[in-house]
Amino acid sequence: MTISPTLIARQTILDAIQADVTVIALIPAAQLYPSKTPNNPVKPFGRYGAESTEPVRASCWRGGAVSGAYHAWVGRTATIPDPKTYCELAMAAIADVLDALPDCYVDRTQMLESTDEPDLWHGLVQFTFTAVEQL
């Protein structure tokens, strides 16, 4: 039997983020997307990024260590006068959720200021998630 570590990681992380009251107080659950966002998404919004997997092929085990990132974008609005601080709070909340998952480790967080749009911040939480099952 074979498993899809990327599918397990993505679904586990999305379920956890979309259920967390601190995260959804900052970014509505309907704006926390899997990997594809709609055209011109309403900010703030989050998106699960591309991942890579290092296979685990130990005796009697199959799966992998998934490395990826969850991204969020926050812009200035009438209710978000300081998008950088807001984005930092969202990244901290998402990192807390991922750190609480038993098979997930937060590697780092990062904040990037957009060069294309004034007052737009892009934050990301990079993680490693191990998904294995015994054969």
Foldseek 3Di string as FASTA:
>chain_A
DADEQVVVVLVVLLVLQQPDPQLCVLPNNVQEEEADDDPPDDPFHKYWHDWDWDWDDPVQKTWTKIKGKIKTKHADDPVCNQRVVSRVSNQVSSQVSQCPDPFKDFPDKDKDADPVDPRMIMIMTIMIGTDMDGD
